[in-house]
C-alpha atoms as a PDB file:
ATOM      1  CA  UNK A   1      80.769   5.909 -35.402  1.00  0.00           C
ATOM      2  CA  UNK A   2      77.047   6.720 -35.147  1.00  0.00           C
ATOM      3  CA  UNK A   3      75.569  10.015 -33.952  1.00  0.00           C
ATOM      4  CA  UNK A   4      75.897  10.857 -30.268  1.00  0.00           C
ATOM      5  CA  UNK A   5      73.541  12.894 -28.071  1.00  0.00           C
ATOM      6  CA  UNK A   6      75.726  15.965 -28.293  1.00  0.00           C
ATOM      7  CA  UNK A   7      75.437  15.860 -32.086  1.00  0.00           C
ATOM      8  CA  UNK A   8      71.649  16.041 -31.820  1.00  0.00           C
ATOM      9  CA  UNK A   9      71.767  18.916 -29.342  1.00  0.00           C
ATOM     10  CA  UNK A  10      74.281  20.796 -31.465  1.00  0.00           C
ATOM     11  CA  UNK A  11      72.216  20.432 -34.635  1.00  0.00           C
ATOM     12  CA  UNK A  12      69.012  21.546 -32.886  1.00  0.00           C
ATOM     13  CA  UNK A  13      70.803  24.567 -31.413  1.00  0.00           C
ATOM     14  CA  UNK A  14      72.097  25.695 -34.817  1.00  0.00           C
ATOM     15  CA  UNK A  15      68.638  25.195 -36.329  1.00  0.00           C
ATOM     16  CA  UNK A  16      67.012  27.270 -33.585  1.00  0.00           C
ATOM     17  CA  UNK A  17      69.566  30.097 -33.648  1.00  0.00           C
ATOM     18  CA  UNK A  18      70.163  30.127 -37.409  1.00  0.00           C
ATOM     19  CA  UNK A  19      73.762  30.997 -36.698  1.00  0.00           C
ATOM     20  CA  UNK A  20      76.841  29.037 -35.594  1.00  0.00           C
ATOM     21  CA  UNK A  21      78.172  31.840 -33.392  1.00  0.00           C
ATOM     22  CA  UNK A  22      74.987  32.279 -31.344  1.00  0.00           C
ATOM     23  CA  UNK A  23      74.459  28.525 -31.120  1.00  0.00           C
ATOM     24  CA  UNK A  24      78.037  28.032 -29.870  1.00  0.00           C
ATOM     25  CA  UNK A  25      77.511  30.715 -27.219  1.00  0.00           C
ATOM     26  CA  UNK A  26      74.282  29.069 -26.059  1.00  0.00           C
ATOM     27  CA  UNK A  27      76.017  25.685 -25.890  1.00  0.00           C
ATOM     28  CA  UNK A  28      79.154  27.140 -24.269  1.00  0.00           C
ATOM     29  CA  UNK A  29      81.422  25.515 -26.860  1.00  0.00           C
ATOM     30  CA  UNK A  30      83.744  27.114 -29.378  1.00  0.00           C
ATOM     31  CA  UNK A  31      82.451  27.794 -32.883  1.00  0.00           C
ATOM     32  CA  UNK A  32      85.142  25.614 -34.562  1.00  0.00           C
ATOM     33  CA  UNK A  33      84.205  22.729 -32.264  1.00  0.00           C
ATOM     34  CA  UNK A  34      80.515  23.144 -33.057  1.00  0.00           C
ATOM     35  CA  UNK A  35      81.155  23.303 -36.806  1.00  0.00           C
ATOM     36  CA  UNK A  36      83.377  20.220 -36.657  1.00  0.00           C
ATOM     37  CA  UNK A  37      80.747  18.247 -34.703  1.00  0.00           C
ATOM     38  CA  UNK A  38      78.001  19.151 -37.187  1.00  0.00           C
ATOM     39  CA  UNK A  39      80.187  18.034 -40.104  1.00  0.00           C
ATOM     40  CA  UNK A  40      80.878  14.813 -38.248  1.00  0.00           C
ATOM     41  CA  UNK A  41      77.132  14.252 -37.875  1.00  0.00           C
ATOM     42  CA  UNK A  42      76.544  14.939 -41.566  1.00  0.00           C
ATOM     43  CA  UNK A  43      79.212  12.390 -42.504  1.00  0.00           C
ATOM     44  CA  UNK A  44      77.627   9.887 -40.142  1.00  0.00           C
ATOM     45  CA  UNK A  45      74.131  10.185 -41.623  1.00  0.00           C
ATOM     46  CA  UNK A  46      75.395  10.619 -45.183  1.00  0.00           C
ATOM     47  CA  UNK A  47      73.470  13.806 -45.956  1.00  0.00           C
ATOM     48  CA  UNK A  48      73.892  17.574 -45.775  1.00  0.00           C
ATOM     49  CA  UNK A  49      71.721  18.767 -42.909  1.00  0.00           C
ATOM     50  CA  UNK A  50      72.455  22.505 -42.963  1.00  0.00           C
ATOM     51  CA  UNK A  51      72.444  25.045 -45.772  1.00  0.00           C
ATOM     52  CA  UNK A  52      75.335  27.418 -45.040  1.00  0.00           C
ATOM     53  CA  UNK A  53      75.122  29.404 -48.292  1.00  0.00           C
ATOM     54  CA  UNK A  54      72.996  32.315 -47.044  1.00  0.00           C
ATOM     55  CA  UNK A  55      73.396  34.905 -44.317  1.00  0.00           C
ATOM     56  CA  UNK A  56      71.390  32.665 -41.977  1.00  0.00           C
ATOM     57  CA  UNK A  57      72.092  28.978 -41.555  1.00  0.00           C
ATOM     58  CA  UNK A  58      69.028  26.940 -42.484  1.00  0.00           C
ATOM     59  CA  UNK A  59      68.032  23.306 -42.366  1.00  0.00           C
ATOM     60  CA  UNK A  60      68.009  21.420 -45.632  1.00  0.00           C
ATOM     61  CA  UNK A  61      65.065  19.156 -46.378  1.00  0.00           C
ATOM     62  CA  UNK A  62      67.072  16.267 -44.955  1.00  0.00           C
ATOM     63  CA  UNK A  63      67.959  18.394 -41.927  1.00  0.00           C
ATOM     64  CA  UNK A  64      64.313  19.264 -41.276  1.00  0.00           C
ATOM     65  CA  UNK A  65      63.366  15.599 -41.297  1.00  0.00           C
ATOM     66  CA  UNK A  66      66.330  14.677 -39.100  1.00  0.00           C
ATOM     67  CA  UNK A  67      65.674  17.400 -36.510  1.00  0.00           C
ATOM     68  CA  UNK A  68      62.067  16.250 -36.120  1.00  0.00           C
ATOM     69  CA  UNK A  69      63.252  12.828 -34.966  1.00  0.00           C
ATOM     70  CA  UNK A  70      66.210  14.238 -33.035  1.00  0.00           C
ATOM     71  CA  UNK A  71      63.849  16.325 -30.884  1.00  0.00           C
ATOM     72  CA  UNK A  72      61.646  13.303 -30.320  1.00  0.00           C
ATOM     73  CA  UNK A  73      64.644  11.199 -29.316  1.00  0.00           C
ATOM     74  CA  UNK A  74      65.824  13.776 -26.791  1.00  0.00           C
ATOM     75  CA  UNK A  75      62.312  14.048 -25.314  1.00  0.00           C
ATOM     76  CA  UNK A  76      62.087  10.290 -24.904  1.00  0.00           C
ATOM     77  CA  UNK A  77      65.527  10.095 -23.303  1.00  0.00           C
ATOM     78  CA  UNK A  78      64.567  12.847 -20.855  1.00  0.00           C
ATOM     79  CA  UNK A  79      61.432  10.875 -19.996  1.00  0.00           C
ATOM     80  CA  UNK A  80      63.563   7.772 -19.505  1.00  0.00           C
ATOM     81  CA  UNK A  81      65.797   9.657 -17.079  1.00  0.00           C
ATOM     82  CA  UNK A  82      62.748  10.759 -15.095  1.00  0.00           C
ATOM     83  CA  UNK A  83      61.387   7.218 -15.086  1.00  0.00           C
ATOM     84  CA  UNK A  84      64.637   5.882 -13.620  1.00  0.00           C
ATOM     85  CA  UNK A  85      64.547   8.535 -10.896  1.00  0.00           C
ATOM     86  CA  UNK A  86      60.861   7.975 -10.203  1.00  0.00           C
ATOM     87  CA  UNK A  87      60.219   6.593  -6.719  1.00  0.00           C
ATOM     88  CA  UNK A  88      56.982   4.694  -6.227  1.00  0.00           C
ATOM     89  CA  UNK A  89      56.735   5.529  -2.514  1.00  0.00           C
ATOM     90  CA  UNK A  90      56.835   9.269  -3.398  1.00  0.00           C
ATOM     91  CA  UNK A  91      59.510  10.177  -0.889  1.00  0.00           C
ATOM     92  CA  UNK A  92      60.769  12.396  -3.695  1.00  0.00           C
ATOM     93  CA  UNK A  93      59.674  13.335  -7.177  1.00  0.00           C
ATOM     94  CA  UNK A  94      58.943  16.313  -9.397  1.00  0.00           C
ATOM     95  CA  UNK A  95      55.874  17.345 -11.365  1.00  0.00           C
ATOM     96  CA  UNK A  96      55.573  20.022 -14.055  1.00  0.00           C
ATOM     97  CA  UNK A  97      52.050  21.447 -14.084  1.00  0.00           C
ATOM     98  CA  UNK A  98      50.390  24.119 -16.223  1.00  0.00           C
ATOM     99  CA  UNK A  99      46.977  25.726 -15.681  1.00  0.00           C
ATOM    100  CA  UNK A 100      44.857  28.341 -17.382  1.00  0.00           C
ATOM    101  CA  UNK A 101      44.562  31.579 -15.360  1.00  0.00           C
ATOM    102  CA  UNK A 102      41.123  31.137 -13.790  1.00  0.00           C
ATOM    103  CA  UNK A 103      42.143  27.795 -12.271  1.00  0.00           C
ATOM    104  CA  UNK A 104      45.223  29.282 -10.635  1.00  0.00           C
ATOM    105  CA  UNK A 105      42.884  31.736  -8.903  1.00  0.00           C
ATOM    106  CA  UNK A 106      40.761  29.192  -7.046  1.00  0.00           C
ATOM    107  CA  UNK A 107      42.015  25.634  -7.654  1.00  0.00           C
ATOM    108  CA  UNK A 108      45.805  25.828  -7.428  1.00  0.00           C
ATOM    109  CA  UNK A 109      45.958  26.686  -3.714  1.00  0.00           C
ATOM    110  CA  UNK A 110      43.794  23.757  -2.543  1.00  0.00           C
ATOM    111  CA  UNK A 111      45.615  21.373  -4.887  1.00  0.00           C
ATOM    112  CA  UNK A 112      49.071  22.339  -3.670  1.00  0.00           C
ATOM    113  CA  UNK A 113      47.967  22.168  -0.033  1.00  0.00           C
ATOM    114  CA  UNK A 114      46.463  18.701  -0.476  1.00  0.00           C
ATOM    115  CA  UNK A 115      49.447  17.426  -2.460  1.00  0.00           C
ATOM    116  CA  UNK A 116      51.919  18.727   0.118  1.00  0.00           C
ATOM    117  CA  UNK A 117      49.921  17.205   2.992  1.00  0.00           C
ATOM    118  CA  UNK A 118      49.930  13.774   1.375  1.00  0.00           C
ATOM    119  CA  UNK A 119      53.331  13.819  -0.325  1.00  0.00           C
ATOM    120  CA  UNK A 120      55.621  16.475   1.187  1.00  0.00           C
ATOM    121  CA  UNK A 121      58.630  15.048  -0.672  1.00  0.00           C
ATOM    122  CA  UNK A 122      57.215  16.034  -4.072  1.00  0.00           C
ATOM    123  CA  UNK A 123      58.253  19.289  -5.691  1.00  0.00           C
ATOM    124  CA  UNK A 124      55.915  21.119  -8.037  1.00  0.00           C
ATOM    125  CA  UNK A 125      56.745  23.431 -10.936  1.00  0.00           C
ATOM    126  CA  UNK A 126      53.690  25.519 -11.904  1.00  0.00           C
ATOM    127  CA  UNK A 127      53.111  27.516 -15.098  1.00  0.00           C
ATOM    128  CA  UNK A 128      50.121  29.752 -15.865  1.00  0.00           C
ATOM    129  CA  UNK A 129      49.467  29.543 -19.589  1.00  0.00           C
ATOM    130  CA  UNK A 130      46.778  29.759 -22.241  1.00  0.00           C
ATOM    131  CA  UNK A 131      45.298  26.429 -23.281  1.00  0.00           C
ATOM    132  CA  UNK A 132      47.009  26.281 -26.681  1.00  0.00           C
ATOM    133  CA  UNK A 133      50.401  26.741 -25.005  1.00  0.00           C
ATOM    134  CA  UNK A 134      49.570  24.065 -22.438  1.00  0.00           C
ATOM    135  CA  UNK A 135      48.784  21.523 -25.140  1.00  0.00           C
ATOM    136  CA  UNK A 136      51.896  22.441 -27.123  1.00  0.00           C
ATOM    137  CA  UNK A 137      53.954  22.116 -23.936  1.00  0.00           C
ATOM    138  CA  UNK A 138      52.540  18.676 -23.241  1.00  0.00           C
ATOM    139  CA  UNK A 139      53.368  17.478 -26.745  1.00  0.00           C
ATOM    140  CA  UNK A 140      56.901  18.905 -26.458  1.00  0.00           C
ATOM    141  CA  UNK A 141      57.366  17.192 -23.058  1.00  0.00           C
ATOM    142  CA  UNK A 142      57.900  20.573 -21.396  1.00  0.00           C
ATOM    143  CA  UNK A 143      55.158  19.856 -18.845  1.00  0.00           C
ATOM    144  CA  UNK A 144      53.660  16.674 -17.414  1.00  0.00           C
ATOM    145  CA  UNK A 145      50.025  17.635 -16.774  1.00  0.00           C
ATOM    146  CA  UNK A 146      47.716  20.521 -17.566  1.00  0.00           C
ATOM    147  CA  UNK A 147      44.400  21.738 -16.206  1.00  0.00           C
ATOM    148  CA  UNK A 148      42.294  23.542 -18.794  1.00  0.00           C
ATOM    149  CA  UNK A 149      38.970  22.952 -20.545  1.00  0.00           C
ATOM    150  CA  UNK A 150      37.408  20.148 -22.521  1.00  0.00           C
ATOM    151  CA  UNK A 151      36.909  20.759 -26.203  1.00  0.00           C
ATOM    152  CA  UNK A 152      38.767  20.120 -29.417  1.00  0.00           C
ATOM    153  CA  UNK A 153      42.349  19.156 -28.525  1.00  0.00           C
ATOM    154  CA  UNK A 154      45.524  18.782 -30.504  1.00  0.00           C
ATOM    155  CA  UNK A 155      46.232  15.233 -31.768  1.00  0.00           C
ATOM    156  CA  UNK A 156      48.048  13.295 -29.063  1.00  0.00           C
ATOM    157  CA  UNK A 157      46.367  15.079 -26.116  1.00  0.00           C
ATOM    158  CA  UNK A 158      44.239  13.001 -23.728  1.00  0.00           C
ATOM    159  CA  UNK A 159      41.650  14.764 -21.543  1.00  0.00           C
ATOM    160  CA  UNK A 160      39.908  13.549 -18.379  1.00  0.00           C
ATOM    161  CA  UNK A 161      36.841  15.549 -17.322  1.00  0.00           C
ATOM    162  CA  UNK A 162      37.076  16.920 -13.759  1.00  0.00           C
ATOM    163  CA  UNK A 163      34.028  19.103 -13.049  1.00  0.00           C
ATOM    164  CA  UNK A 164      31.646  21.643 -14.550  1.00  0.00           C
ATOM    165  CA  UNK A 165      32.758  25.222 -14.004  1.00  0.00           C
ATOM    166  CA  UNK A 166      29.897  27.698 -13.601  1.00  0.00           C
ATOM    167  CA  UNK A 167      30.340  31.424 -14.121  1.00  0.00           C
ATOM    168  CA  UNK A 168      28.185  34.212 -12.826  1.00  0.00           C
ATOM    169  CA  UNK A 169      28.148  37.715 -11.488  1.00  0.00           C
ATOM    170  CA  UNK A 170      30.509  38.251  -8.561  1.00  0.00           C
ATOM    171  CA  UNK A 171      30.006  41.298  -6.340  1.00  0.00           C
ATOM    172  CA  UNK A 172      30.932  42.539  -2.884  1.00  0.00           C
ATOM    173  CA  UNK A 173      29.053  40.707  -0.158  1.00  0.00           C
ATOM    174  CA  UNK A 174      28.060  44.095   1.311  1.00  0.00           C
ATOM    175  CA  UNK A 175      26.275  45.456  -1.744  1.00  0.00           C
ATOM    176  CA  UNK A 176      22.598  46.505  -1.410  1.00  0.00           C
ATOM    177  CA  UNK A 177      20.314  43.499  -1.854  1.00  0.00           C
ATOM    178  CA  UNK A 178      23.124  40.998  -1.313  1.00  0.00           C
ATOM    179  CA  UNK A 179      20.799  38.796   0.748  1.00  0.00           C
ATOM    180  CA  UNK A 180      18.339  38.378  -2.148  1.00  0.00           C
ATOM    181  CA  UNK A 181      18.675  34.728  -3.275  1.00  0.00           C
ATOM    182  CA  UNK A 182      16.791  35.221  -6.537  1.00  0.00           C
ATOM    183  CA  UNK A 183      18.799  35.151  -9.796  1.00  0.00           C
ATOM    184  CA  UNK A 184      19.279  38.464 -11.544  1.00  0.00           C
ATOM    185  CA  UNK A 185      17.446  38.653 -14.895  1.00  0.00           C
ATOM    186  CA  UNK A 186      19.985  39.066 -17.649  1.00  0.00           C
ATOM    187  CA  UNK A 187      18.369  42.256 -18.958  1.00  0.00           C
ATOM    188  CA  UNK A 188      19.132  43.990 -15.643  1.00  0.00           C
ATOM    189  CA  UNK A 189      22.797  43.210 -16.222  1.00  0.00           C
ATOM    190  CA  UNK A 190      22.782  45.621 -19.137  1.00  0.00           C
ATOM    191  CA  UNK A 191      23.001  48.582 -16.746  1.00  0.00           C
ATOM    192  CA  UNK A 192      25.518  47.084 -14.305  1.00  0.00           C
ATOM    193  CA  UNK A 193      29.039  48.582 -14.512  1.00  0.00           C
ATOM    194  CA  UNK A 194      31.563  45.752 -14.710  1.00  0.00           C
ATOM    195  CA  UNK A 195      35.234  45.050 -14.136  1.00  0.00           C
ATOM    196  CA  UNK A 196      36.261  42.259 -16.491  1.00  0.00           C
ATOM    197  CA  UNK A 197      39.273  40.308 -17.619  1.00  0.00           C
ATOM    198  CA  UNK A 198      40.918  41.690 -20.743  1.00  0.00           C
ATOM    199  CA  UNK A 199      40.037  40.296 -24.152  1.00  0.00           C
ATOM    200  CA  UNK A 200      43.215  38.157 -24.170  1.00  0.00           C
ATOM    201  CA  UNK A 201      41.487  35.676 -21.859  1.00  0.00           C
ATOM    202  CA  UNK A 202      39.321  32.814 -23.077  1.00  0.00           C
ATOM    203  CA  UNK A 203      37.021  33.483 -20.118  1.00  0.00           C
ATOM    204  CA  UNK A 204      36.392  37.019 -21.372  1.00  0.00           C
ATOM    205  CA  UNK A 205      35.532  35.719 -24.826  1.00  0.00           C
ATOM    206  CA  UNK A 206      33.111  33.273 -23.199  1.00  0.00           C
ATOM    207  CA  UNK A 207      31.485  36.162 -21.329  1.00  0.00           C
ATOM    208  CA  UNK A 208      31.295  38.385 -24.409  1.00  0.00           C
ATOM    209  CA  UNK A 209      29.579  35.596 -26.354  1.00  0.00           C
ATOM    210  CA  UNK A 210      26.953  35.389 -23.598  1.00  0.00           C
ATOM    211  CA  UNK A 211      26.391  39.150 -23.730  1.00  0.00           C
ATOM    212  CA  UNK A 212      26.101  39.069 -27.512  1.00  0.00           C
ATOM    213  CA  UNK A 213      23.640  36.167 -27.412  1.00  0.00           C
ATOM    214  CA  UNK A 214      21.357  38.106 -25.069  1.00  0.00           C
ATOM    215  CA  UNK A 215      21.933  41.413 -26.861  1.00  0.00           C
ATOM    216  CA  UNK A 216      23.164  43.310 -23.848  1.00  0.00           C
ATOM    217  CA  UNK A 217      26.165  45.571 -23.488  1.00  0.00           C
ATOM    218  CA  UNK A 218      26.991  46.258 -19.851  1.00  0.00           C
ATOM    219  CA  UNK A 219      29.298  49.268 -19.347  1.00  0.00           C
ATOM    220  CA  UNK A 220      32.884  48.064 -18.884  1.00  0.00           C
ATOM    221  CA  UNK A 221      34.427  50.354 -16.274  1.00  0.00           C
ATOM    222  CA  UNK A 222      37.674  48.401 -15.770  1.00  0.00           C
ATOM    223  CA  UNK A 223      39.629  45.779 -17.690  1.00  0.00           C
ATOM    224  CA  UNK A 224      42.418  43.886 -15.919  1.00  0.00           C
ATOM    225  CA  UNK A 225      44.788  41.062 -16.811  1.00  0.00           C
ATOM    226  CA  UNK A 226      44.713  39.324 -13.423  1.00  0.00           C
ATOM    227  CA  UNK A 227      41.864  37.855 -11.423  1.00  0.00           C
ATOM    228  CA  UNK A 228      43.470  39.081  -8.208  1.00  0.00           C
ATOM    229  CA  UNK A 229      43.132  42.652  -9.484  1.00  0.00           C
ATOM    230  CA  UNK A 230      39.446  42.126 -10.282  1.00  0.00           C
ATOM    231  CA  UNK A 231      38.575  40.661  -6.894  1.00  0.00           C
ATOM    232  CA  UNK A 232      40.355  43.513  -5.115  1.00  0.00           C
ATOM    233  CA  UNK A 233      38.631  46.141  -7.283  1.00  0.00           C
ATOM    234  CA  UNK A 234      35.183  44.654  -6.703  1.00  0.00           C
ATOM    235  CA  UNK A 235      35.798  44.272  -2.972  1.00  0.00           C
ATOM    236  CA  UNK A 236      36.627  47.965  -2.643  1.00  0.00           C
ATOM    237  CA  UNK A 237      34.121  49.332  -5.184  1.00  0.00           C
ATOM    238  CA  UNK A 238      30.558  48.280  -4.272  1.00  0.00           C
ATOM    239  CA  UNK A 239      29.061  49.736  -7.453  1.00  0.00           C
ATOM    240  CA  UNK A 240      31.181  47.435  -9.626  1.00  0.00           C
ATOM    241  CA  UNK A 241      30.733  43.712 -10.197  1.00  0.00           C
ATOM    242  CA  UNK A 242      32.645  41.195 -12.257  1.00  0.00           C
ATOM    243  CA  UNK A 243      31.902  37.926 -14.056  1.00  0.00           C
ATOM    244  CA  UNK A 244      34.049  35.039 -12.882  1.00  0.00           C
ATOM    245  CA  UNK A 245      33.710  31.371 -11.884  1.00  0.00           C
ATOM    246  CA  UNK A 246      31.433  31.040  -8.857  1.00  0.00           C
ATOM    247  CA  UNK A 247      34.177  29.036  -7.118  1.00  0.00           C
ATOM    248  CA  UNK A 248      36.253  32.233  -6.797  1.00  0.00           C
ATOM    249  CA  UNK A 249      34.003  33.244  -3.894  1.00  0.00           C
ATOM    250  CA  UNK A 250      34.733  30.068  -1.896  1.00  0.00           C
ATOM    251  CA  UNK A 251      37.901  31.543  -0.420  1.00  0.00           C
ATOM    252  CA  UNK A 252      36.850  35.217  -0.553  1.00  0.00           C
ATOM    253  CA  UNK A 253      34.272  35.864   2.192  1.00  0.00           C
ATOM    254  CA  UNK A 254      34.030  39.508   1.107  1.00  0.00           C
ATOM    255  CA  UNK A 255      32.664  38.417  -2.287  1.00  0.00           C
ATOM    256  CA  UNK A 256      29.381  36.756  -3.159  1.00  0.00           C
ATOM    257  CA  UNK A 257      28.102  35.011  -6.290  1.00  0.00           C
ATOM    258  CA  UNK A 258      25.013  36.452  -7.939  1.00  0.00           C
ATOM    259  CA  UNK A 259      23.289  33.879 -10.168  1.00  0.00           C
ATOM    260  CA  UNK A 260      22.051  35.088 -13.533  1.00  0.00           C
ATOM    261  CA  UNK A 261      18.882  34.086 -15.346  1.00  0.00           C
ATOM    262  CA  UNK A 262      19.532  32.501 -17.755  1.00  0.00           C
ATOM    263  CA  UNK A 263      22.928  31.344 -16.494  1.00  0.00           C
ATOM    264  CA  UNK A 264      26.129  31.490 -18.477  1.00  0.00           C
ATOM    265  CA  UNK A 265      26.911  28.200 -20.247  1.00  0.00           C
ATOM    266  CA  UNK A 266      29.055  25.924 -18.111  1.00  0.00           C
ATOM    267  CA  UNK A 267      32.537  24.815 -19.138  1.00  0.00           C
ATOM    268  CA  UNK A 268      34.065  21.443 -18.306  1.00  0.00           C
ATOM    269  CA  UNK A 269      37.417  21.517 -16.555  1.00  0.00           C
ATOM    270  CA  UNK A 270      39.754  18.761 -17.683  1.00  0.00           C
ATOM    271  CA  UNK A 271      43.073  17.228 -16.731  1.00  0.00           C
ATOM    272  CA  UNK A 272      45.261  17.096 -19.845  1.00  0.00           C
ATOM    273  CA  UNK A 273      48.248  14.878 -20.601  1.00  0.00           C
ATOM    274  CA  UNK A 274      50.186  13.607 -23.592  1.00  0.00           C
ATOM    275  CA  UNK A 275      48.765  10.243 -24.652  1.00  0.00           C
ATOM    276  CA  UNK A 276      52.143   8.561 -25.081  1.00  0.00           C
ATOM    277  CA  UNK A 277      53.783  10.141 -22.020  1.00  0.00           C
ATOM    278  CA  UNK A 278      55.259   8.079 -19.215  1.00  0.00           C
ATOM    279  CA  UNK A 279      53.009   8.503 -16.159  1.00  0.00           C
ATOM    280  CA  UNK A 280      55.305   8.994 -13.216  1.00  0.00           C
ATOM    281  CA  UNK A 281      54.351   8.190  -9.633  1.00  0.00           C
ATOM    282  CA  UNK A 282      54.123  11.949  -9.036  1.00  0.00           C
ATOM    283  CA  UNK A 283      51.690  12.363 -11.940  1.00  0.00           C
ATOM    284  CA  UNK A 284      49.555   9.471 -10.719  1.00  0.00           C
ATOM    285  CA  UNK A 285      49.505  10.889  -7.199  1.00  0.00           C
ATOM    286  CA  UNK A 286      48.529  14.328  -8.464  1.00  0.00           C
ATOM    287  CA  UNK A 287      45.696  12.819 -10.508  1.00  0.00           C
ATOM    288  CA  UNK A 288      44.311  11.192  -7.350  1.00  0.00           C
ATOM    289  CA  UNK A 289      44.674  14.442  -5.383  1.00  0.00           C
ATOM    290  CA  UNK A 290      42.816  16.434  -8.052  1.00  0.00           C
ATOM    291  CA  UNK A 291      39.878  14.031  -7.929  1.00  0.00           C
ATOM    292  CA  UNK A 292      39.765  14.216  -4.128  1.00  0.00           C
ATOM    293  CA  UNK A 293      39.935  18.034  -4.018  1.00  0.00           C
ATOM    294  CA  UNK A 294      37.133  18.291  -6.581  1.00  0.00           C
ATOM    295  CA  UNK A 295      34.966  16.010  -4.410  1.00  0.00           C
ATOM    296  CA  UNK A 296      35.832  17.754  -1.145  1.00  0.00           C
ATOM    297  CA  UNK A 297      35.041  21.210  -2.511  1.00  0.00           C
ATOM    298  CA  UNK A 298      31.729  20.061  -3.972  1.00  0.00           C
ATOM    299  CA  UNK A 299      32.310  21.168  -7.547  1.00  0.00           C
ATOM    300  CA  UNK A 300      29.500  20.078  -9.913  1.00  0.00           C
ATOM    301  CA  UNK A 301      30.212  16.894 -11.831  1.00  0.00           C
ATOM    302  CA  UNK A 302      31.107  17.231 -15.501  1.00  0.00           C
END
């Protein structure tokens, strides 16, 4: 008898936990049953897959090679299940989406609203993640689509450019001189107290590179790990400003963009997917909705 799906899941669980007891608990099976099933798999493939000689259970070389293909097989079977359940008329369906933090602040709301208006039967699972985690999640078939930035991508990731994201100074709309349409010279920014994203964010690193290039060091009064916190701080503290995508101000009438001279380099937003992934009806519909929202909101072309 050849290997069955449960054998693959059992082997992967032992490899991940490094212990039969913990793997059995995670699988809700008894340890003797798990051990017996693994031995059955090893007899079936004709090789020892686990090294049980140490305190932790480890994969042998053969086991490492086998688990690589076992994970791939399970991913493909999961995709097959979704394909069978996929309904072309979109009366139902499910989409797993991941976005980098700045996009959740200004793009997620309009996207969800537009998707729900057009296809109310679709359900959406949203994750906010850093770009490297998004790409890893796509390759592991943990998510269907990602919205992040163009640039070097992991092998197997396909990117479709969406629009050019511009960043600039964002301040309260009631600050002195708010009606002045002229860009602020970058050297004046050196004395402007700022509230910025923490250094964990790619956007902050982009901003810091701009400061370094122009040899300025604005005083950082506040660092925060959410954009919502920054917009609230700036709204209530007229002396502070922040640096965020200009699009943040579209849905915040109490905030106003202040262009800088020279401007910060633009970044290209991109829709990411796994090259070999099955494109469900939900994924195709979402792709169309993204393009329409980008047009409707007048974002600059990539």
